[in-house]
C-alpha cells in the first residue's frame, strides 16, 4: 500500500511541476516585450561635496519613521 501512496504523490508532484512550468512559460514571452523606461538624467555631483536634497521621496521616508 505504501508504493501506491508514493506513486500517487509523485504523480501529484509531477503534475504541479508541469503546471508551474506552463504558467512560467506563458508569462515569459510577455516579459521580454517590456522595455524599461529611460532613467532621468542625473545632476552633476557638487565639486565641494554635499549635494543632499530634500526630495519628495526623502520626505515620505521621514513621515513613515515618525512615532
C-alpha atoms as a PDB file:
ATOM      1  CA  UNK A   1       0.000   0.000   0.000  1.00  0.00           C
ATOM      2  CA  UNK A   2       2.909   2.407   0.619  1.00  0.00           C
ATOM      3  CA  UNK A   3       4.036   2.040  -3.019  1.00  0.00           C
ATOM      4  CA  UNK A   4       0.587   3.158  -4.141  1.00  0.00           C
ATOM      5  CA  UNK A   5       0.768   6.292  -1.945  1.00  0.00           C
ATOM      6  CA  UNK A   6       4.287   7.027  -3.178  1.00  0.00           C
ATOM      7  CA  UNK A   7       3.241   6.686  -6.817  1.00  0.00           C
ATOM      8  CA  UNK A   8       0.226   8.919  -6.214  1.00  0.00           C
ATOM      9  CA  UNK A   9       2.389  11.548  -4.520  1.00  0.00           C
ATOM     10  CA  UNK A  10       4.916  11.543  -7.329  1.00  0.00           C
ATOM     11  CA  UNK A  11       2.056  11.904  -9.820  1.00  0.00           C
ATOM     12  CA  UNK A  12       0.764  14.991  -7.998  1.00  0.00           C
ATOM     13  CA  UNK A  13       4.254  16.460  -7.667  1.00  0.00           C
ATOM     14  CA  UNK A  14       4.868  15.935 -11.370  1.00  0.00           C
ATOM     15  CA  UNK A  15       1.522  17.438 -12.312  1.00  0.00           C
ATOM     16  CA  UNK A  16       2.080  20.514 -10.160  1.00  0.00           C
ATOM     17  CA  UNK A  17       5.585  20.940 -11.595  1.00  0.00           C
ATOM     18  CA  UNK A  18       4.220  20.794 -15.133  1.00  0.00           C
ATOM     19  CA  UNK A  19       1.571  23.370 -14.200  1.00  0.00           C
ATOM     20  CA  UNK A  20       4.164  25.720 -12.718  1.00  0.00           C
ATOM     21  CA  UNK A  21       6.398  25.419 -15.782  1.00  0.00           C
ATOM     22  CA  UNK A  22       3.433  26.052 -18.086  1.00  0.00           C
ATOM     23  CA  UNK A  23       2.462  29.162 -16.124  1.00  0.00           C
ATOM     24  CA  UNK A  24       6.036  30.422 -16.218  1.00  0.00           C
ATOM     25  CA  UNK A  25       6.332  29.742 -19.952  1.00  0.00           C
ATOM     26  CA  UNK A  26       3.114  31.649 -20.507  1.00  0.00           C
ATOM     27  CA  UNK A  27       4.477  34.661 -18.629  1.00  0.00           C
ATOM     28  CA  UNK A  28       7.991  34.825 -20.078  1.00  0.00           C
ATOM     29  CA  UNK A  29       7.231  35.843 -23.684  1.00  0.00           C
ATOM     30  CA  UNK A  30       5.263  38.872 -22.496  1.00  0.00           C
ATOM     31  CA  UNK A  31       8.042  39.843 -20.102  1.00  0.00           C
ATOM     32  CA  UNK A  32      10.520  40.063 -22.977  1.00  0.00           C
ATOM     33  CA  UNK A  33       8.443  42.711 -24.737  1.00  0.00           C
ATOM     34  CA  UNK A  34       8.539  45.112 -21.799  1.00  0.00           C
ATOM     35  CA  UNK A  35      11.029  47.894 -22.378  1.00  0.00           C
ATOM     36  CA  UNK A  36      12.497  49.672 -19.397  1.00  0.00           C
ATOM     37  CA  UNK A  37      11.879  53.402 -19.239  1.00  0.00           C
ATOM     38  CA  UNK A  38      14.916  55.599 -19.624  1.00  0.00           C
ATOM     39  CA  UNK A  39      16.346  56.896 -16.369  1.00  0.00           C
ATOM     40  CA  UNK A  40      16.195  60.655 -15.917  1.00  0.00           C
ATOM     41  CA  UNK A  41      19.463  62.497 -16.336  1.00  0.00           C
ATOM     42  CA  UNK A  42      21.307  62.892 -13.045  1.00  0.00           C
ATOM     43  CA  UNK A  43      22.564  66.209 -11.805  1.00  0.00           C
ATOM     44  CA  UNK A  44      26.343  66.518 -11.725  1.00  0.00           C
ATOM     45  CA  UNK A  45      27.930  65.967  -8.315  1.00  0.00           C
ATOM     46  CA  UNK A  46      28.864  69.138  -6.439  1.00  0.00           C
ATOM     47  CA  UNK A  47      32.557  69.973  -6.535  1.00  0.00           C
ATOM     48  CA  UNK A  48      32.878  70.670  -2.794  1.00  0.00           C
ATOM     49  CA  UNK A  49      30.807  67.739  -1.551  1.00  0.00           C
ATOM     50  CA  UNK A  50      27.329  67.957  -0.147  1.00  0.00           C
ATOM     51  CA  UNK A  51      24.587  67.572  -2.659  1.00  0.00           C
ATOM     52  CA  UNK A  52      21.845  66.417  -0.281  1.00  0.00           C
ATOM     53  CA  UNK A  53      18.394  67.487  -1.398  1.00  0.00           C
ATOM     54  CA  UNK A  54      15.175  67.069   0.498  1.00  0.00           C
ATOM     55  CA  UNK A  55      13.192  65.351  -2.228  1.00  0.00           C
ATOM     56  CA  UNK A  56       9.610  64.085  -2.042  1.00  0.00           C
ATOM     57  CA  UNK A  57      10.945  60.574  -1.627  1.00  0.00           C
ATOM     58  CA  UNK A  58      13.004  61.584   1.410  1.00  0.00           C
ATOM     59  CA  UNK A  59      10.066  63.492   2.904  1.00  0.00           C
ATOM     60  CA  UNK A  60       7.873  60.403   2.533  1.00  0.00           C
ATOM     61  CA  UNK A  61      10.511  58.307   4.271  1.00  0.00           C
ATOM     62  CA  UNK A  62      10.688  60.748   7.182  1.00  0.00           C
ATOM     63  CA  UNK A  63       6.881  60.624   7.502  1.00  0.00           C
ATOM     64  CA  UNK A  64       6.998  56.828   7.841  1.00  0.00           C
ATOM     65  CA  UNK A  65       9.623  56.960  10.611  1.00  0.00           C
ATOM     66  CA  UNK A  66       7.637  59.221  12.923  1.00  0.00           C
ATOM     67  CA  UNK A  67       6.458  57.572  16.097  1.00  0.00           C
END
